[in-house]
Amino acid sequence: MELKQDPRCYTDVCVDGLWYHYDHCGTKAYILKGGAAPEVDFHKEPKTEDELVALIKALGSVK
């Protein structure tokens, strides 16, 4: 699914049991675990949900 190019939009995805929150038009996502939300940075802006998941998995931060 293509991500809407609107900074008011966001996508939450579950990758290997962890939920990530991504605000569109950016290069950061946050792990949703209550309390402090660890941040992950991407080297580029994802254009699709599949690309977002691939970028998260490529970080190696997925447990």
PDB file of N, CA and C in Angstrom:
ATOM      1  N   MET A   1       0.842  -1.169   0.000  1.00  0.00           N
ATOM      2  CA  MET A   1       0.000   0.000   0.000  1.00  0.00           C
ATOM      3  C   MET A   1       0.893   1.240   0.000  1.00  0.00           C
ATOM      4  N   GLU A   2       0.594   2.176  -0.874  1.00  0.00           N
ATOM      5  CA  GLU A   2       1.358   3.417  -0.945  1.00  0.00           C
ATOM      6  C   GLU A   2       0.995   4.312   0.238  1.00  0.00           C
ATOM      7  N   LEU A   3       2.018   4.918   0.843  1.00  0.00           N
ATOM      8  CA  LEU A   3       1.796   5.822   1.969  1.00  0.00           C
ATOM      9  C   LEU A   3       1.433   7.202   1.442  1.00  0.00           C
ATOM     10  N   LYS A   4       0.397   7.782   2.008  1.00  0.00           N
ATOM     11  CA  LYS A   4      -0.053   9.109   1.594  1.00  0.00           C
ATOM     12  C   LYS A   4       1.020  10.135   1.947  1.00  0.00           C
ATOM     13  N   GLN A   5       1.370  10.965   0.998  1.00  0.00           N
ATOM     14  CA  GLN A   5       2.407  11.983   1.213  1.00  0.00           C
ATOM     15  C   GLN A   5       1.781  13.214   1.872  1.00  0.00           C
ATOM     16  N   ASP A   6       1.412  13.050   3.136  1.00  0.00           N
ATOM     17  CA  ASP A   6       0.761  14.097   3.917  1.00  0.00           C
ATOM     18  C   ASP A   6       1.298  14.000   5.342  1.00  0.00           C
ATOM     19  N   PRO A   7       1.985  15.023   5.840  1.00  0.00           N
ATOM     20  CA  PRO A   7       2.576  14.951   7.171  1.00  0.00           C
ATOM     21  C   PRO A   7       1.558  14.814   8.303  1.00  0.00           C
ATOM     22  N   ARG A   8       0.281  14.990   8.013  1.00  0.00           N
ATOM     23  CA  ARG A   8      -0.752  14.801   9.042  1.00  0.00           C
ATOM     24  C   ARG A   8      -1.130  13.337   9.194  1.00  0.00           C
ATOM     25  N   CYS A   9      -0.639  12.477   8.303  1.00  0.00           N
ATOM     26  CA  CYS A   9      -0.988  11.053   8.322  1.00  0.00           C
ATOM     27  C   CYS A   9       0.098  10.243   9.022  1.00  0.00           C
ATOM     28  N   TYR A  10      -0.300   9.072   9.502  1.00  0.00           N
ATOM     29  CA  TYR A  10       0.657   8.164  10.123  1.00  0.00           C
ATOM     30  C   TYR A  10       0.254   6.729   9.832  1.00  0.00           C
ATOM     31  N   THR A  11       1.197   5.819  10.053  1.00  0.00           N
ATOM     32  CA  THR A  11       0.951   4.394   9.887  1.00  0.00           C
ATOM     33  C   THR A  11       1.556   3.677  11.083  1.00  0.00           C
ATOM     34  N   ASP A  12       0.802   2.765  11.674  1.00  0.00           N
ATOM     35  CA  ASP A  12       1.312   1.881  12.716  1.00  0.00           C
ATOM     36  C   ASP A  12       1.423   0.491  12.113  1.00  0.00           C
ATOM     37  N   VAL A  13       2.589  -0.148  12.277  1.00  0.00           N
ATOM     38  CA  VAL A  13       2.798  -1.499  11.754  1.00  0.00           C
ATOM     39  C   VAL A  13       3.385  -2.371  12.847  1.00  0.00           C
ATOM     40  N   CYS A  14       3.039  -3.656  12.802  1.00  0.00           N
ATOM     41  CA  CYS A  14       3.601  -4.630  13.728  1.00  0.00           C
ATOM     42  C   CYS A  14       4.644  -5.442  12.967  1.00  0.00           C
ATOM     43  N   VAL A  15       5.869  -5.462  13.496  1.00  0.00           N
ATOM     44  CA  VAL A  15       6.958  -6.219  12.889  1.00  0.00           C
ATOM     45  C   VAL A  15       7.539  -7.125  13.966  1.00  0.00           C
ATOM     46  N   ASP A  16       7.405  -8.414  13.780  1.00  0.00           N
ATOM     47  CA  ASP A  16       7.930  -9.412  14.717  1.00  0.00           C
ATOM     48  C   ASP A  16       7.502  -9.144  16.162  1.00  0.00           C
ATOM     49  N   GLY A  17       6.240  -8.783  16.353  1.00  0.00           N
ATOM     50  CA  GLY A  17       5.689  -8.601  17.690  1.00  0.00           C
ATOM     51  C   GLY A  17       5.870  -7.216  18.296  1.00  0.00           C
ATOM     52  N   LEU A  18       6.559  -6.315  17.618  1.00  0.00           N
ATOM     53  CA  LEU A  18       6.724  -4.943  18.106  1.00  0.00           C
ATOM     54  C   LEU A  18       5.952  -3.994  17.209  1.00  0.00           C
ATOM     55  N   TRP A  19       5.248  -3.041  17.820  1.00  0.00           N
ATOM     56  CA  TRP A  19       4.495  -2.043  17.059  1.00  0.00           C
ATOM     57  C   TRP A  19       5.347  -0.807  16.855  1.00  0.00           C
ATOM     58  N   TYR A  20       5.335  -0.313  15.630  1.00  0.00           N
ATOM     59  CA  TYR A  20       6.072   0.893  15.253  1.00  0.00           C
ATOM     60  C   TYR A  20       5.094   1.940  14.752  1.00  0.00           C
ATOM     61  N   HIS A  21       5.320   3.196  15.151  1.00  0.00           N
ATOM     62  CA  HIS A  21       4.505   4.328  14.708  1.00  0.00           C
ATOM     63  C   HIS A  21       5.365   5.171  13.777  1.00  0.00           C
ATOM     64  N   TYR A  22       4.866   5.409  12.553  1.00  0.00           N
ATOM     65  CA  TYR A  22       5.592   6.209  11.565  1.00  0.00           C
ATOM     66  C   TYR A  22       4.726   7.378  11.129  1.00  0.00           C
ATOM     67  N   ASP A  23       5.225   8.604  11.316  1.00  0.00           N
ATOM     68  CA  ASP A  23       4.562   9.806  10.811  1.00  0.00           C
ATOM     69  C   ASP A  23       5.020  10.012   9.375  1.00  0.00           C
ATOM     70  N   HIS A  24       4.076  10.081   8.442  1.00  0.00           N
ATOM     71  CA  HIS A  24       4.399  10.190   7.020  1.00  0.00           C
ATOM     72  C   HIS A  24       5.282  11.401   6.735  1.00  0.00           C
ATOM     73  N   CYS A  25       6.026  11.324   5.646  1.00  0.00           N
ATOM     74  CA  CYS A  25       6.920  12.392   5.159  1.00  0.00           C
ATOM     75  C   CYS A  25       8.126  12.591   6.072  1.00  0.00           C
ATOM     76  N   GLY A  26       8.570  11.557   6.730  1.00  0.00           N
ATOM     77  CA  GLY A  26       9.731  11.660   7.606  1.00  0.00           C
ATOM     78  C   GLY A  26      10.633  10.449   7.473  1.00  0.00           C
ATOM     79  N   THR A  27      11.671  10.412   8.294  1.00  0.00           N
ATOM     80  CA  THR A  27      12.616   9.297   8.267  1.00  0.00           C
ATOM     81  C   THR A  27      12.804   8.685   9.652  1.00  0.00           C
ATOM     82  N   LYS A  28      11.807   8.829  10.527  1.00  0.00           N
ATOM     83  CA  LYS A  28      11.880   8.273  11.878  1.00  0.00           C
ATOM     84  C   LYS A  28      10.613   7.492  12.193  1.00  0.00           C
ATOM     85  N   ALA A  29      10.772   6.476  13.015  1.00  0.00           N
ATOM     86  CA  ALA A  29       9.634   5.729  13.543  1.00  0.00           C
ATOM     87  C   ALA A  29       9.885   5.536  15.036  1.00  0.00           C
ATOM     88  N   TYR A  30       8.835   5.256  15.765  1.00  0.00           N
ATOM     89  CA  TYR A  30       8.925   5.072  17.203  1.00  0.00           C
ATOM     90  C   TYR A  30       8.335   3.722  17.566  1.00  0.00           C
ATOM     91  N   ILE A  31       9.010   3.025  18.478  1.00  0.00           N
ATOM     92  CA  ILE A  31       8.494   1.753  18.968  1.00  0.00           C
ATOM     93  C   ILE A  31       7.449   2.071  20.031  1.00  0.00           C
ATOM     94  N   LEU A  32       6.260   1.497  19.872  1.00  0.00           N
ATOM     95  CA  LEU A  32       5.166   1.734  20.820  1.00  0.00           C
ATOM     96  C   LEU A  32       5.229   0.670  21.909  1.00  0.00           C
ATOM     97  N   LYS A  33       5.756   1.035  23.082  1.00  0.00           N
ATOM     98  CA  LYS A  33       5.826   0.080  24.172  1.00  0.00           C
ATOM     99  C   LYS A  33       5.438   0.680  25.504  1.00  0.00           C
ATOM    100  N   GLY A  34       4.820   1.848  25.505  1.00  0.00           N
ATOM    101  CA  GLY A  34       4.443   2.480  26.761  1.00  0.00           C
ATOM    102  C   GLY A  34       5.644   3.170  27.386  1.00  0.00           C
ATOM    103  N   GLY A  35       5.406   4.271  28.041  1.00  0.00           N
ATOM    104  CA  GLY A  35       6.512   5.026  28.622  1.00  0.00           C
ATOM    105  C   GLY A  35       7.371   5.646  27.538  1.00  0.00           C
ATOM    106  N   ALA A  36       8.679   5.506  27.682  1.00  0.00           N
ATOM    107  CA  ALA A  36       9.611   6.052  26.686  1.00  0.00           C
ATOM    108  C   ALA A  36       9.449   5.301  25.369  1.00  0.00           C
ATOM    109  N   ALA A  37       9.435   6.038  24.285  1.00  0.00           N
ATOM    110  CA  ALA A  37       9.269   5.430  22.962  1.00  0.00           C
ATOM    111  C   ALA A  37      10.594   5.493  22.210  1.00  0.00           C
ATOM    112  N   PRO A  38      11.345   4.380  22.171  1.00  0.00           N
ATOM    113  CA  PRO A  38      12.613   4.385  21.427  1.00  0.00           C
ATOM    114  C   PRO A  38      12.388   4.764  19.964  1.00  0.00           C
ATOM    115  N   GLU A  39      13.315   5.556  19.448  1.00  0.00           N
ATOM    116  CA  GLU A  39      13.203   6.078  18.089  1.00  0.00           C
ATOM    117  C   GLU A  39      14.170   5.330  17.177  1.00  0.00           C
ATOM    118  N   VAL A  40      13.739   5.070  15.950  1.00  0.00           N
ATOM    119  CA  VAL A  40      14.622   4.497  14.937  1.00  0.00           C
ATOM    120  C   VAL A  40      14.676   5.455  13.756  1.00  0.00           C
ATOM    121  N   ASP A  41      15.844   5.566  13.141  1.00  0.00           N
ATOM    122  CA  ASP A  41      16.042   6.464  12.001  1.00  0.00           C
ATOM    123  C   ASP A  41      16.257   5.647  10.735  1.00  0.00           C
ATOM    124  N   PHE A  42      15.653   6.092   9.649  1.00  0.00           N
ATOM    125  CA  PHE A  42      15.819   5.454   8.347  1.00  0.00           C
ATOM    126  C   PHE A  42      16.760   6.289   7.490  1.00  0.00           C
ATOM    127  N   HIS A  43      17.426   5.650   6.535  1.00  0.00           N
ATOM    128  CA  HIS A  43      18.319   6.376   5.627  1.00  0.00           C
ATOM    129  C   HIS A  43      17.554   7.063   4.504  1.00  0.00           C
ATOM    130  N   LYS A  44      16.258   6.738   4.367  1.00  0.00           N
ATOM    131  CA  LYS A  44      15.418   7.392   3.358  1.00  0.00           C
ATOM    132  C   LYS A  44      13.968   7.330   3.800  1.00  0.00           C
ATOM    133  N   GLU A  45      13.135   8.099   3.138  1.00  0.00           N
ATOM    134  CA  GLU A  45      11.704   8.134   3.444  1.00  0.00           C
ATOM    135  C   GLU A  45      11.000   6.981   2.728  1.00  0.00           C
ATOM    136  N   PRO A  46      10.290   6.116   3.471  1.00  0.00           N
ATOM    137  CA  PRO A  46       9.563   5.028   2.809  1.00  0.00           C
ATOM    138  C   PRO A  46       8.366   5.555   2.024  1.00  0.00           C
ATOM    139  N   LYS A  47       8.101   4.949   0.884  1.00  0.00           N
ATOM    140  CA  LYS A  47       6.981   5.363   0.030  1.00  0.00           C
ATOM    141  C   LYS A  47       5.797   4.399   0.117  1.00  0.00           C
ATOM    142  N   THR A  48       6.043   3.159   0.597  1.00  0.00           N
ATOM    143  CA  THR A  48       4.970   2.167   0.723  1.00  0.00           C
ATOM    144  C   THR A  48       5.064   1.508   2.096  1.00  0.00           C
ATOM    145  N   GLU A  49       3.984   0.847   2.501  1.00  0.00           N
ATOM    146  CA  GLU A  49       3.989   0.141   3.780  1.00  0.00           C
ATOM    147  C   GLU A  49       5.000  -1.001   3.753  1.00  0.00           C
ATOM    148  N   ASP A  50       5.107  -1.709   2.629  1.00  0.00           N
ATOM    149  CA  ASP A  50       6.095  -2.790   2.509  1.00  0.00           C
ATOM    150  C   ASP A  50       7.518  -2.253   2.659  1.00  0.00           C
ATOM    151  N   GLU A  51       7.780  -1.093   2.078  1.00  0.00           N
ATOM    152  CA  GLU A  51       9.103  -0.480   2.202  1.00  0.00           C
ATOM    153  C   GLU A  51       9.360  -0.058   3.647  1.00  0.00           C
ATOM    154  N   LEU A  52       8.345   0.440   4.340  1.00  0.00           N
ATOM    155  CA  LEU A  52       8.463   0.802   5.752  1.00  0.00           C
ATOM    156  C   LEU A  52       8.864  -0.417   6.579  1.00  0.00           C
ATOM    157  N   VAL A  53       8.179  -1.539   6.373  1.00  0.00           N
ATOM    158  CA  VAL A  53       8.492  -2.774   7.100  1.00  0.00           C
ATOM    159  C   VAL A  53       9.915  -3.233   6.774  1.00  0.00           C
ATOM    160  N   ALA A  54      10.311  -3.171   5.506  1.00  0.00           N
ATOM    161  CA  ALA A  54      11.660  -3.580   5.105  1.00  0.00           C
ATOM    162  C   ALA A  54      12.725  -2.704   5.767  1.00  0.00           C
ATOM    163  N   LEU A  55      12.482  -1.405   5.847  1.00  0.00           N
ATOM    164  CA  LEU A  55      13.436  -0.503   6.501  1.00  0.00           C
ATOM    165  C   LEU A  55      13.562  -0.824   7.987  1.00  0.00           C
ATOM    166  N   ILE A  56      12.444  -1.126   8.633  1.00  0.00           N
ATOM    167  CA  ILE A  56      12.476  -1.486  10.056  1.00  0.00           C
ATOM    168  C   ILE A  56      13.280  -2.770  10.242  1.00  0.00           C
ATOM    169  N   LYS A  57      12.999  -3.780   9.425  1.00  0.00           N
ATOM    170  CA  LYS A  57      13.720  -5.054   9.541  1.00  0.00           C
ATOM    171  C   LYS A  57      15.207  -4.886   9.255  1.00  0.00           C
ATOM    172  N   ALA A  58      15.562  -4.005   8.319  1.00  0.00           N
ATOM    173  CA  ALA A  58      16.965  -3.792   7.959  1.00  0.00           C
ATOM    174  C   ALA A  58      17.766  -3.155   9.090  1.00  0.00           C
ATOM    175  N   LEU A  59      17.104  -2.483   9.998  1.00  0.00           N
ATOM    176  CA  LEU A  59      17.798  -1.836  11.112  1.00  0.00           C
ATOM    177  C   LEU A  59      18.378  -2.843  12.091  1.00  0.00           C
ATOM    178  N   GLY A  60      17.822  -4.047  12.094  1.00  0.00           N
ATOM    179  CA  GLY A  60      18.300  -5.049  13.023  1.00  0.00           C
ATOM    180  C   GLY A  60      17.836  -4.809  14.446  1.00  0.00           C
ATOM    181  N   SER A  61      16.928  -3.840  14.634  1.00  0.00           N
ATOM    182  CA  SER A  61      16.449  -3.531  15.984  1.00  0.00           C
ATOM    183  C   SER A  61      15.192  -4.308  16.330  1.00  0.00           C
ATOM    184  N   VAL A  62      14.741  -5.162  15.409  1.00  0.00           N
ATOM    185  CA  VAL A  62      13.545  -5.961  15.658  1.00  0.00           C
ATOM    186  C   VAL A  62      13.955  -7.182  16.450  1.00  0.00           C
ATOM    187  N   LYS A  63      13.309  -7.392  17.558  1.00  0.00           N
ATOM    188  CA  LYS A  63      13.645  -8.512  18.436  1.00  0.00           C
ATOM    189  C   LYS A  63      12.938  -9.772  17.995  1.00  0.00           C
TER     190      LYS A  63
END
